[in-house]
PDB file of all heavy atoms in Angstrom:
ATOM      1  N   ALA A   1       0.817  -1.200   0.000  1.00  0.00           N
ATOM      2  CA  ALA A   1       0.000   0.000   0.000  1.00  0.00           C
ATOM      3  C   ALA A   1       0.857   1.259   0.000  1.00  0.00           C
ATOM      4  O   ALA A   1       0.474   2.288  -0.541  1.00  0.00           O
ATOM      5  CB  ALA A   1      -0.926   0.001   1.217  1.00  0.00           C
ATOM      6  N   VAL A   2       2.046   1.229   0.634  1.00  0.00           N
ATOM      7  CA  VAL A   2       2.962   2.385   0.641  1.00  0.00           C
ATOM      8  C   VAL A   2       3.345   2.745  -0.772  1.00  0.00           C
ATOM      9  O   VAL A   2       3.408   3.919  -1.154  1.00  0.00           O
ATOM     10  CB  VAL A   2       4.221   2.067   1.473  1.00  0.00           C
ATOM     11  CG1 VAL A   2       5.277   3.145   1.303  1.00  0.00           C
ATOM     12  CG2 VAL A   2       3.834   1.926   2.937  1.00  0.00           C
ATOM     13  N   ILE A   3       3.608   1.746  -1.586  1.00  0.00           N
ATOM     14  CA  ILE A   3       3.998   1.978  -2.978  1.00  0.00           C
ATOM     15  C   ILE A   3       2.838   2.624  -3.739  1.00  0.00           C
ATOM     16  O   ILE A   3       3.026   3.498  -4.555  1.00  0.00           O
ATOM     17  CB  ILE A   3       4.398   0.651  -3.644  1.00  0.00           C
ATOM     18  CG1 ILE A   3       5.614   0.075  -2.905  1.00  0.00           C
ATOM     19  CG2 ILE A   3       4.724   0.866  -5.117  1.00  0.00           C
ATOM     20  CD1 ILE A   3       5.992  -1.309  -3.388  1.00  0.00           C
ATOM     21  N   ALA A   4       1.646   2.196  -3.465  1.00  0.00           N
ATOM     22  CA  ALA A   4       0.480   2.701  -4.186  1.00  0.00           C
ATOM     23  C   ALA A   4       0.123   4.117  -3.772  1.00  0.00           C
ATOM     24  O   ALA A   4      -0.506   4.831  -4.540  1.00  0.00           O
ATOM     25  CB  ALA A   4      -0.711   1.781  -3.944  1.00  0.00           C
ATOM     26  N   GLY A   5       0.490   4.557  -2.563  1.00  0.00           N
ATOM     27  CA  GLY A   5       0.181   5.929  -2.153  1.00  0.00           C
ATOM     28  C   GLY A   5      -0.365   5.982  -0.744  1.00  0.00           C
ATOM     29  O   GLY A   5      -0.806   4.994  -0.181  1.00  0.00           O
ATOM     30  N   ALA A   6      -0.333   7.176  -0.200  1.00  0.00           N
ATOM     31  CA  ALA A   6      -0.736   7.372   1.192  1.00  0.00           C
ATOM     32  C   ALA A   6      -2.203   7.030   1.409  1.00  0.00           C
ATOM     33  O   ALA A   6      -2.568   6.463   2.432  1.00  0.00           O
ATOM     34  CB  ALA A   6      -0.469   8.816   1.610  1.00  0.00           C
ATOM     35  N   GLY A   7      -3.054   7.367   0.414  1.00  0.00           N
ATOM     36  CA  GLY A   7      -4.479   7.090   0.572  1.00  0.00           C
ATOM     37  C   GLY A   7      -4.747   5.601   0.644  1.00  0.00           C
ATOM     38  O   GLY A   7      -5.519   5.129   1.480  1.00  0.00           O
ATOM     39  N   ALA A   8      -4.074   4.841  -0.229  1.00  0.00           N
ATOM     40  CA  ALA A   8      -4.241   3.387  -0.221  1.00  0.00           C
ATOM     41  C   ALA A   8      -3.707   2.807   1.080  1.00  0.00           C
ATOM     42  O   ALA A   8      -4.260   1.858   1.625  1.00  0.00           O
ATOM     43  CB  ALA A   8      -3.519   2.769  -1.413  1.00  0.00           C
ATOM     44  N   LEU A   9      -2.616   3.398   1.611  1.00  0.00           N
ATOM     45  CA  LEU A   9      -2.036   2.923   2.872  1.00  0.00           C
ATOM     46  C   LEU A   9      -3.041   3.080   4.007  1.00  0.00           C
ATOM     47  O   LEU A   9      -3.214   2.178   4.826  1.00  0.00           O
ATOM     48  CB  LEU A   9      -0.752   3.713   3.175  1.00  0.00           C
ATOM     49  CG  LEU A   9      -0.118   3.427   4.556  1.00  0.00           C
ATOM     50  CD1 LEU A   9       0.243   1.955   4.687  1.00  0.00           C
ATOM     51  CD2 LEU A   9       1.096   4.315   4.767  1.00  0.00           C
ATOM     52  N   ALA A  10      -3.707   4.219   4.069  1.00  0.00           N
ATOM     53  CA  ALA A  10      -4.667   4.471   5.146  1.00  0.00           C
ATOM     54  C   ALA A  10      -5.802   3.455   5.088  1.00  0.00           C
ATOM     55  O   ALA A  10      -6.226   2.900   6.101  1.00  0.00           O
ATOM     56  CB  ALA A  10      -5.211   5.887   5.040  1.00  0.00           C
ATOM     57  N   ALA A  11      -6.298   3.215   3.879  1.00  0.00           N
ATOM     58  CA  ALA A  11      -7.407   2.269   3.719  1.00  0.00           C
ATOM     59  C   ALA A  11      -6.973   0.866   4.103  1.00  0.00           C
ATOM     60  O   ALA A  11      -7.702   0.126   4.777  1.00  0.00           O
ATOM     61  CB  ALA A  11      -7.904   2.291   2.268  1.00  0.00           C
ATOM     62  N   SER A  12      -5.762   0.499   3.670  1.00  0.00           N
ATOM     63  CA  SER A  12      -5.257  -0.839   3.972  1.00  0.00           C
ATOM     64  C   SER A  12      -5.041  -1.020   5.463  1.00  0.00           C
ATOM     65  O   SER A  12      -5.327  -2.058   6.030  1.00  0.00           O
ATOM     66  CB  SER A  12      -3.952  -1.078   3.214  1.00  0.00           C
ATOM     67  OG  SER A  12      -3.437  -2.348   3.520  1.00  0.00           O
ATOM     68  N   SER A  13      -4.515   0.033   6.126  1.00  0.00           N
ATOM     69  CA  SER A  13      -4.270  -0.051   7.560  1.00  0.00           C
ATOM     70  C   SER A  13      -5.569  -0.222   8.327  1.00  0.00           C
ATOM     71  O   SER A  13      -5.658  -0.981   9.294  1.00  0.00           O
ATOM     72  CB  SER A  13      -3.541   1.204   8.043  1.00  0.00           C
ATOM     73  OG  SER A  13      -2.286   1.307   7.420  1.00  0.00           O
ATOM     74  N   ALA A  14      -6.594   0.506   7.883  1.00  0.00           N
ATOM     75  CA  ALA A  14      -7.895   0.393   8.543  1.00  0.00           C
ATOM     76  C   ALA A  14      -8.453  -1.011   8.396  1.00  0.00           C
ATOM     77  O   ALA A  14      -9.018  -1.596   9.331  1.00  0.00           O
ATOM     78  CB  ALA A  14      -8.871   1.414   7.948  1.00  0.00           C
ATOM     79  N   LEU A  15      -8.305  -1.567   7.176  1.00  0.00           N
ATOM     80  CA  LEU A  15      -8.785  -2.929   6.933  1.00  0.00           C
ATOM     81  C   LEU A  15      -8.024  -3.926   7.783  1.00  0.00           C
ATOM     82  O   LEU A  15      -8.606  -4.821   8.392  1.00  0.00           O
ATOM     83  CB  LEU A  15      -8.618  -3.270   5.440  1.00  0.00           C
ATOM     84  CG  LEU A  15      -9.002  -4.705   5.038  1.00  0.00           C
ATOM     85  CD1 LEU A  15     -10.465  -4.977   5.368  1.00  0.00           C
ATOM     86  CD2 LEU A  15      -8.714  -4.939   3.570  1.00  0.00           C
ATOM     87  N   ALA A  16      -6.685  -3.749   7.848  1.00  0.00           N
ATOM     88  CA  ALA A  16      -5.866  -4.661   8.647  1.00  0.00           C
ATOM     89  C   ALA A  16      -6.248  -4.599  10.119  1.00  0.00           C
ATOM     90  O   ALA A  16      -6.302  -5.609  10.811  1.00  0.00           O
ATOM     91  CB  ALA A  16      -4.382  -4.324   8.459  1.00  0.00           C
ATOM     92  N   GLN A  17      -6.524  -3.366  10.599  1.00  0.00           N
ATOM     93  CA  GLN A  17      -6.903  -3.204  11.997  1.00  0.00           C
ATOM     94  C   GLN A  17      -8.232  -3.897  12.281  1.00  0.00           C
ATOM     95  O   GLN A  17      -8.398  -4.565  13.303  1.00  0.00           O
ATOM     96  CB  GLN A  17      -6.996  -1.717  12.338  1.00  0.00           C
ATOM     97  CG  GLN A  17      -7.316  -1.456  13.822  1.00  0.00           C
ATOM     98  CD  GLN A  17      -7.327   0.017  14.143  1.00  0.00           C
ATOM     99  OE1 GLN A  17      -7.189   0.857  13.257  1.00  0.00           O
ATOM    100  NE2 GLN A  17      -7.491   0.344  15.411  1.00  0.00           N
ATOM    101  N   THR A  18      -9.182  -3.738  11.337  1.00  0.00           N
ATOM    102  CA  THR A  18     -10.486  -4.381  11.504  1.00  0.00           C
ATOM    103  C   THR A  18     -10.345  -5.900  11.532  1.00  0.00           C
ATOM    104  O   THR A  18     -10.953  -6.591  12.359  1.00  0.00           O
ATOM    105  CB  THR A  18     -11.437  -3.988  10.356  1.00  0.00           C
ATOM    106  OG1 THR A  18     -11.602  -2.575  10.383  1.00  0.00           O
ATOM    107  CG2 THR A  18     -12.813  -4.662  10.531  1.00  0.00           C
ATOM    108  N   GLN A  19      -9.513  -6.427  10.612  1.00  0.00           N
ATOM    109  CA  GLN A  19      -9.286  -7.864  10.563  1.00  0.00           C
ATOM    110  C   GLN A  19      -8.619  -8.359  11.843  1.00  0.00           C
ATOM    111  O   GLN A  19      -8.958  -9.417  12.377  1.00  0.00           O
ATOM    112  CB  GLN A  19      -8.414  -8.219   9.356  1.00  0.00           C
ATOM    113  CG  GLN A  19      -9.135  -8.026   8.017  1.00  0.00           C
ATOM    114  CD  GLN A  19      -8.207  -8.257   6.840  1.00  0.00           C
ATOM    115  OE1 GLN A  19      -6.995  -8.081   6.956  1.00  0.00           O
ATOM    116  NE2 GLN A  19      -8.784  -8.652   5.719  1.00  0.00           N
ATOM    117  N   ALA A  20      -7.670  -7.589  12.370  1.00  0.00           N
ATOM    118  CA  ALA A  20      -6.967  -7.973  13.598  1.00  0.00           C
ATOM    119  C   ALA A  20      -7.931  -8.015  14.777  1.00  0.00           C
ATOM    120  O   ALA A  20      -7.882  -8.919  15.616  1.00  0.00           O
ATOM    121  CB  ALA A  20      -5.833  -6.989  13.879  1.00  0.00           C
ATOM    122  N   GLN A  21      -8.840  -6.995  14.826  1.00  0.00           N
ATOM    123  CA  GLN A  21      -9.815  -6.962  15.909  1.00  0.00           C
ATOM    124  C   GLN A  21     -10.754  -8.159  15.834  1.00  0.00           C
ATOM    125  O   GLN A  21     -11.093  -8.773  16.834  1.00  0.00           O
ATOM    126  CB  GLN A  21     -10.608  -5.649  15.855  1.00  0.00           C
ATOM    127  CG  GLN A  21      -9.783  -4.424  16.233  1.00  0.00           C
ATOM    128  CD  GLN A  21     -10.540  -3.131  16.009  1.00  0.00           C
ATOM    129  OE1 GLN A  21     -11.550  -3.109  15.304  1.00  0.00           O
ATOM    130  NE2 GLN A  21     -10.049  -2.050  16.603  1.00  0.00           N
ATOM    131  N   THR A  22     -11.182  -8.459  14.586  1.00  0.00           N
ATOM    132  CA  THR A  22     -12.080  -9.601  14.396  1.00  0.00           C
ATOM    133  C   THR A  22     -11.409 -10.896  14.812  1.00  0.00           C
ATOM    134  O   THR A  22     -11.994 -11.745  15.489  1.00  0.00           O
ATOM    135  CB  THR A  22     -12.514  -9.708  12.917  1.00  0.00           C
ATOM    136  OG1 THR A  22     -13.166  -8.499  12.547  1.00  0.00           O
ATOM    137  CG2 THR A  22     -13.462 -10.893  12.711  1.00  0.00           C
ATOM    138  N   THR A  23     -10.122 -11.045  14.419  1.00  0.00           N
ATOM    139  CA  THR A  23      -9.369 -12.239  14.786  1.00  0.00           C
ATOM    140  C   THR A  23      -9.224 -12.353  16.295  1.00  0.00           C
ATOM    141  O   THR A  23      -9.389 -13.423  16.880  1.00  0.00           O
ATOM    142  CB  THR A  23      -7.977 -12.215  14.136  1.00  0.00           C
ATOM    143  OG1 THR A  23      -8.130 -12.155  12.717  1.00  0.00           O
ATOM    144  CG2 THR A  23      -7.180 -13.465  14.508  1.00  0.00           C
ATOM    145  N   ALA A  24      -8.922 -11.203  16.949  1.00  0.00           N
ATOM    146  CA  ALA A  24      -8.759 -11.207  18.400  1.00  0.00           C
ATOM    147  C   ALA A  24     -10.052 -11.585  19.094  1.00  0.00           C
ATOM    148  O   ALA A  24     -10.068 -12.354  20.050  1.00  0.00           O
ATOM    149  CB  ALA A  24      -8.296  -9.828  18.874  1.00  0.00           C
ATOM    150  N   GLN A  25     -11.194 -11.037  18.582  1.00  0.00           N
ATOM    151  CA  GLN A  25     -12.485 -11.351  19.175  1.00  0.00           C
ATOM    152  C   GLN A  25     -12.813 -12.829  19.013  1.00  0.00           C
ATOM    153  O   GLN A  25     -13.316 -13.476  19.924  1.00  0.00           O
ATOM    154  CB  GLN A  25     -13.573 -10.487  18.538  1.00  0.00           C
ATOM    155  CG  GLN A  25     -13.457  -9.006  18.921  1.00  0.00           C
ATOM    156  CD  GLN A  25     -14.391  -8.131  18.102  1.00  0.00           C
ATOM    157  OE1 GLN A  25     -15.068  -8.615  17.192  1.00  0.00           O
ATOM    158  NE2 GLN A  25     -14.419  -6.850  18.416  1.00  0.00           N
ATOM    159  N   THR A  26     -12.488 -13.351  17.807  1.00  0.00           N
ATOM    160  CA  THR A  26     -12.774 -14.757  17.546  1.00  0.00           C
ATOM    161  C   THR A  26     -11.928 -15.657  18.439  1.00  0.00           C
ATOM    162  O   THR A  26     -12.390 -16.640  18.996  1.00  0.00           O
ATOM    163  CB  THR A  26     -12.486 -15.100  16.068  1.00  0.00           C
ATOM    164  OG1 THR A  26     -13.290 -14.261  15.248  1.00  0.00           O
ATOM    165  CG2 THR A  26     -12.800 -16.553  15.784  1.00  0.00           C
ATOM    166  N   THR A  27     -10.647 -15.274  18.607  1.00  0.00           N
ATOM    167  CA  THR A  27      -9.744 -16.064  19.434  1.00  0.00           C
ATOM    168  C   THR A  27     -10.145 -16.016  20.905  1.00  0.00           C
ATOM    169  O   THR A  27     -10.082 -17.012  21.618  1.00  0.00           O
ATOM    170  CB  THR A  27      -8.298 -15.541  19.283  1.00  0.00           C
ATOM    171  OG1 THR A  27      -7.935 -15.583  17.903  1.00  0.00           O
ATOM    172  CG2 THR A  27      -7.330 -16.377  20.098  1.00  0.00           C
ATOM    173  N   ALA A  28     -10.593 -14.819  21.335  1.00  0.00           N
ATOM    174  CA  ALA A  28     -10.926 -14.647  22.744  1.00  0.00           C
ATOM    175  C   ALA A  28     -12.257 -15.303  23.116  1.00  0.00           C
ATOM    176  O   ALA A  28     -12.487 -15.606  24.274  1.00  0.00           O
ATOM    177  CB  ALA A  28     -10.967 -13.165  23.087  1.00  0.00           C
ATOM    178  N   ALA A  29     -13.141 -15.489  22.114  1.00  0.00           N
ATOM    179  CA  ALA A  29     -14.465 -16.040  22.411  1.00  0.00           C
ATOM    180  C   ALA A  29     -14.334 -17.472  22.921  1.00  0.00           C
ATOM    181  O   ALA A  29     -13.666 -18.297  22.298  1.00  0.00           O
ATOM    182  CB  ALA A  29     -15.330 -16.014  21.157  1.00  0.00           C
ATOM    183  N   PRO A  30     -14.928 -17.787  24.069  1.00  0.00           N
ATOM    184  CA  PRO A  30     -14.840 -19.158  24.595  1.00  0.00           C
ATOM    185  C   PRO A  30     -15.588 -20.145  23.722  1.00  0.00           C
ATOM    186  O   PRO A  30     -16.652 -19.836  23.186  1.00  0.00           O
ATOM    187  CB  PRO A  30     -15.500 -19.037  25.979  1.00  0.00           C
ATOM    188  CG  PRO A  30     -16.419 -17.858  25.853  1.00  0.00           C
ATOM    189  CD  PRO A  30     -15.732 -16.904  24.911  1.00  0.00           C
ATOM    190  N   VAL A  31     -15.009 -21.311  23.562  1.00  0.00           N
ATOM    191  CA  VAL A  31     -15.657 -22.361  22.774  1.00  0.00           C
ATOM    192  C   VAL A  31     -16.605 -23.125  23.699  1.00  0.00           C
ATOM    193  O   VAL A  31     -16.174 -23.675  24.721  1.00  0.00           O
ATOM    194  CB  VAL A  31     -14.610 -23.342  22.191  1.00  0.00           C
ATOM    195  CG1 VAL A  31     -15.301 -24.456  21.420  1.00  0.00           C
ATOM    196  CG2 VAL A  31     -13.637 -22.583  21.302  1.00  0.00           C
ATOM    197  N   PRO A  32     -17.904 -23.111  23.389  1.00  0.00           N
ATOM    198  CA  PRO A  32     -18.850 -23.797  24.278  1.00  0.00           C
ATOM    199  C   PRO A  32     -18.587 -25.297  24.331  1.00  0.00           C
ATOM    200  O   PRO A  32     -18.306 -25.935  23.316  1.00  0.00           O
ATOM    201  CB  PRO A  32     -20.226 -23.505  23.632  1.00  0.00           C
ATOM    202  CG  PRO A  32     -19.911 -23.175  22.198  1.00  0.00           C
ATOM    203  CD  PRO A  32     -18.565 -22.523  22.217  1.00  0.00           C
TER     204      PRO A  32
END
């Protein structure tokens, strides 16, 4: 994304952060 430009970097970072949060929530959720 850095190569593509600052705007693409911001969008990619936001997506990565969202994915990381989702992964963390999924990992933290107890398995019944």
